[in-house]
């Protein structure tokens, strides 16, 4: 399993004008891009001679997916699923709804699920069962962020970008109530914004 420890950053000059909602920056844009390049190289080595299908989980993983695939050197394809377990809450409800299913069949294909963050593992566990039931050749998981302190079920993640603490993280595709996805770094949302404290 590949992982990198998080390294908090203080808020600095690289913060965009309206980011008073960020308490701190955990991962800079440079850290994220460097790690994604390493993950892409590892996946390319692991899938040499095969043609994986990357299943990107919308909406949070869209930025990670685009950047990761730029570093994948084997033939591949990409499809998208949209699932929801948060809504406007700051914690996963554990109740998963499929909002958009795959456009193409993945039967007999080697699948790599791309997730933005793994926390309780409940959503991922549901998704893995869903994918395996389609008679795939294999399935692995690539996640930008892992929050193991929140785990409620045992799930295996094959490629991990960074482990993060039990904080509400936003940026680089991750949101709260559909906001903050557009920032190139990952930061901690101030608790007063989401009613955490």
Protein backbone atom coordinates (compact mmCIF):
# COMPACT_ATOMS: atom_id res chain seq x y z
CA UNK A 1 0.00 0.00 0.00
CA UNK A 2 1.34 3.39 -0.96
CA UNK A 3 0.83 6.29 1.42
CA UNK A 4 2.39 9.54 2.50
CA UNK A 5 1.91 11.24 5.87
CA UNK A 6 0.14 14.59 5.87
CA UNK A 7 2.12 17.73 6.70
CA UNK A 8 0.01 20.68 7.86
CA UNK A 9 0.76 24.12 6.48
CA UNK A 10 -0.13 27.44 7.99
CA UNK A 11 -2.29 29.74 5.93
CA UNK A 12 -0.07 31.82 3.71
CA UNK A 13 0.18 34.08 0.71
CA UNK A 14 -0.84 31.31 -1.69
CA UNK A 15 -4.35 31.31 -0.20
CA UNK A 16 -7.00 32.69 -2.56
CA UNK A 17 -8.84 35.83 -1.54
CA UNK A 18 -12.04 34.24 -0.22
CA UNK A 19 -10.59 31.36 1.79
CA UNK A 20 -11.31 32.68 5.24
CA UNK A 21 -13.29 29.43 5.65
CA UNK A 22 -10.02 27.44 5.65
CA UNK A 23 -8.54 26.79 9.08
CA UNK A 24 -5.27 25.48 7.63
CA UNK A 25 -3.79 23.91 4.53
CA UNK A 26 -2.88 20.23 4.88
CA UNK A 27 -1.54 19.54 1.40
CA UNK A 28 -0.16 22.07 -1.05
CA UNK A 29 -0.84 21.88 -4.77
CA UNK A 30 2.81 20.89 -5.30
CA UNK A 31 2.63 18.03 -2.79
CA UNK A 32 -0.56 16.72 -4.38
CA UNK A 33 0.79 16.80 -7.93
CA UNK A 34 4.08 15.15 -6.96
CA UNK A 35 2.31 12.30 -5.18
CA UNK A 36 -0.18 11.79 -8.02
CA UNK A 37 2.71 11.42 -10.48
CA UNK A 38 4.14 8.66 -8.26
CA UNK A 39 0.76 6.94 -8.06
CA UNK A 40 0.31 7.09 -11.84
CA UNK A 41 3.73 5.53 -12.37
CA UNK A 42 2.96 2.72 -9.89
CA UNK A 43 -0.41 1.97 -11.50
CA UNK A 44 1.23 1.93 -14.93
CA UNK A 45 3.77 -0.64 -13.73
CA UNK A 46 1.10 -2.77 -12.08
CA UNK A 47 -1.11 -2.82 -15.19
CA UNK A 48 1.59 -3.36 -17.80
CA UNK A 49 0.12 -5.59 -20.52
CA UNK A 50 -3.46 -4.95 -19.42
CA UNK A 51 -5.98 -2.24 -20.27
CA UNK A 52 -7.68 -1.03 -17.09
CA UNK A 53 -10.97 0.81 -16.88
CA UNK A 54 -10.82 3.68 -14.42
CA UNK A 55 -14.14 4.26 -12.66
CA UNK A 56 -14.14 7.78 -11.28
CA UNK A 57 -16.55 8.47 -8.44
CA UNK A 58 -18.22 11.82 -8.99
CA UNK A 59 -18.21 14.49 -7.99
CA UNK A 60 -15.28 14.63 -5.59
CA UNK A 61 -12.77 12.58 -7.58
CA UNK A 62 -12.99 14.49 -10.87
CA UNK A 63 -9.84 16.60 -10.35
CA UNK A 64 -7.85 13.66 -9.00
CA UNK A 65 -8.99 11.49 -11.92
CA UNK A 66 -7.92 14.01 -14.55
CA UNK A 67 -4.49 14.52 -13.03
CA UNK A 68 -3.90 10.83 -12.29
CA UNK A 69 -4.72 9.70 -15.82
CA UNK A 70 -2.16 12.16 -17.21
CA UNK A 71 0.47 9.97 -15.53
CA UNK A 72 -0.90 6.58 -16.63
CA UNK A 73 1.09 5.23 -19.56
CA UNK A 74 -0.79 2.00 -20.33
CA UNK A 75 -3.86 1.90 -22.61
CA UNK A 76 -6.94 2.60 -20.54
CA UNK A 77 -10.48 3.94 -20.55
CA UNK A 78 -12.51 5.94 -18.05
CA UNK A 79 -16.12 5.88 -16.95
CA UNK A 80 -18.01 7.64 -14.18
CA UNK A 81 -20.36 6.80 -11.33
CA UNK A 82 -22.05 9.32 -9.10
CA UNK A 83 -22.98 8.17 -5.63
CA UNK A 84 -24.05 10.11 -2.58
CA UNK A 85 -23.82 9.46 1.12
CA UNK A 86 -23.25 12.98 2.49
CA UNK A 87 -25.74 15.44 1.01
CA UNK A 88 -25.21 18.69 2.92
CA UNK A 89 -23.99 16.94 6.07
CA UNK A 90 -20.41 16.96 7.29
CA UNK A 91 -20.41 13.22 7.99
CA UNK A 92 -21.29 10.27 5.78
CA UNK A 93 -24.76 8.90 6.50
CA UNK A 94 -23.72 5.40 5.41
CA UNK A 95 -26.80 5.28 3.18
CA UNK A 96 -25.58 5.20 -0.42
CA UNK A 97 -27.57 6.31 -3.44
CA UNK A 98 -26.41 5.75 -7.02
CA UNK A 99 -27.05 9.03 -8.82
CA UNK A 100 -25.38 8.02 -12.11
CA UNK A 101 -24.35 4.55 -13.24
CA UNK A 102 -21.62 3.54 -15.68
CA UNK A 103 -22.19 4.11 -19.38
CA UNK A 104 -20.30 1.00 -20.56
CA UNK A 105 -20.15 -2.63 -19.48
CA UNK A 106 -17.15 -3.55 -17.33
CA UNK A 107 -17.66 -7.30 -17.50
CA UNK A 108 -14.31 -9.16 -17.69
CA UNK A 109 -12.43 -5.85 -17.36
CA UNK A 110 -9.72 -4.84 -14.91
CA UNK A 111 -11.24 -1.97 -12.93
CA UNK A 112 -9.56 0.73 -10.86
CA UNK A 113 -12.00 2.72 -8.73
CA UNK A 114 -10.85 6.31 -8.22
CA UNK A 115 -12.06 7.94 -5.00
CA UNK A 116 -11.32 11.32 -3.47
CA UNK A 117 -11.34 10.20 0.17
CA UNK A 118 -11.96 7.04 2.20
CA UNK A 119 -13.25 7.59 5.70
CA UNK A 120 -15.80 5.18 7.24
CA UNK A 121 -15.33 2.74 4.35
CA UNK A 122 -19.09 2.19 4.09
CA UNK A 123 -19.47 3.91 0.73
CA UNK A 124 -16.42 2.15 -0.70
CA UNK A 125 -17.60 -1.21 0.61
CA UNK A 126 -20.94 -0.70 -1.17
CA UNK A 127 -19.17 0.36 -4.35
CA UNK A 128 -16.79 -2.62 -4.33
CA UNK A 129 -19.72 -5.02 -3.97
CA UNK A 130 -21.52 -3.24 -6.79
CA UNK A 131 -18.51 -3.48 -9.13
CA UNK A 132 -17.66 -7.09 -8.25
CA UNK A 133 -21.24 -8.14 -9.00
CA UNK A 134 -20.65 -7.10 -12.63
CA UNK A 135 -18.26 -10.03 -13.20
CA UNK A 136 -15.10 -7.96 -13.54
CA UNK A 137 -11.69 -9.59 -13.95
CA UNK A 138 -10.30 -7.61 -11.03
CA UNK A 139 -10.90 -4.46 -9.03
CA UNK A 140 -8.52 -2.18 -7.16
CA UNK A 141 -8.96 1.18 -5.47
CA UNK A 142 -6.97 4.40 -5.80
CA UNK A 143 -7.79 7.15 -3.30
CA UNK A 144 -6.22 10.55 -2.97
CA UNK A 145 -6.91 10.72 0.77
CA UNK A 146 -7.41 8.16 3.52
CA UNK A 147 -8.86 8.93 6.94
CA UNK A 148 -8.29 5.63 8.80
CA UNK A 149 -9.35 7.02 12.19
CA UNK A 150 -12.94 7.14 10.87
CA UNK A 151 -13.07 3.55 9.57
CA UNK A 152 -16.20 1.58 10.46
CA UNK A 153 -15.67 -1.36 8.11
CA UNK A 154 -12.57 -3.12 6.86
CA UNK A 155 -11.82 -2.15 3.26
CA UNK A 156 -8.59 -2.51 1.32
CA UNK A 157 -7.26 0.51 -0.59
CA UNK A 158 -4.51 -0.38 -3.05
CA UNK A 159 -3.15 3.09 -3.86
CA UNK A 160 -3.29 5.88 -1.28
CA UNK A 161 -2.05 9.40 -1.85
CA UNK A 162 -2.04 10.73 1.72
CA UNK A 163 -3.36 9.84 5.14
CA UNK A 164 -5.16 12.72 6.82
CA UNK A 165 -6.42 13.30 10.36
CA UNK A 166 -10.06 13.31 11.42
CA UNK A 167 -10.77 16.84 10.21
CA UNK A 168 -13.29 18.12 7.66
CA UNK A 169 -11.13 18.49 4.57
CA UNK A 170 -12.00 20.52 1.50
CA UNK A 171 -10.39 21.59 -1.75
CA UNK A 172 -9.04 19.77 -4.80
CA UNK A 173 -12.46 18.30 -5.61
CA UNK A 174 -13.64 17.85 -2.02
CA UNK A 175 -16.56 19.99 -0.96
CA UNK A 176 -18.92 21.11 1.72
CA UNK A 177 -22.41 21.78 0.30
CA UNK A 178 -20.88 21.83 -3.21
CA UNK A 179 -18.41 24.62 -2.38
CA UNK A 180 -14.56 24.69 -2.24
CA UNK A 181 -13.96 22.03 -4.92
CA UNK A 182 -12.07 24.49 -7.13
CA UNK A 183 -9.02 25.04 -4.95
CA UNK A 184 -5.76 23.32 -5.96
CA UNK A 185 -4.80 22.34 -2.41
CA UNK A 186 -6.48 20.44 0.46
CA UNK A 187 -7.30 22.28 3.65
CA UNK A 188 -9.32 22.02 6.84
CA UNK A 189 -12.71 23.70 6.95
CA UNK A 190 -13.33 25.90 9.98
CA UNK A 191 -15.78 24.09 12.30
CA UNK A 192 -18.04 27.11 12.62
CA UNK A 193 -18.71 26.93 8.86
CA UNK A 194 -20.32 23.48 9.06
CA UNK A 195 -21.59 23.70 12.63
CA UNK A 196 -19.00 21.32 14.02
CA UNK A 197 -18.25 23.41 17.12
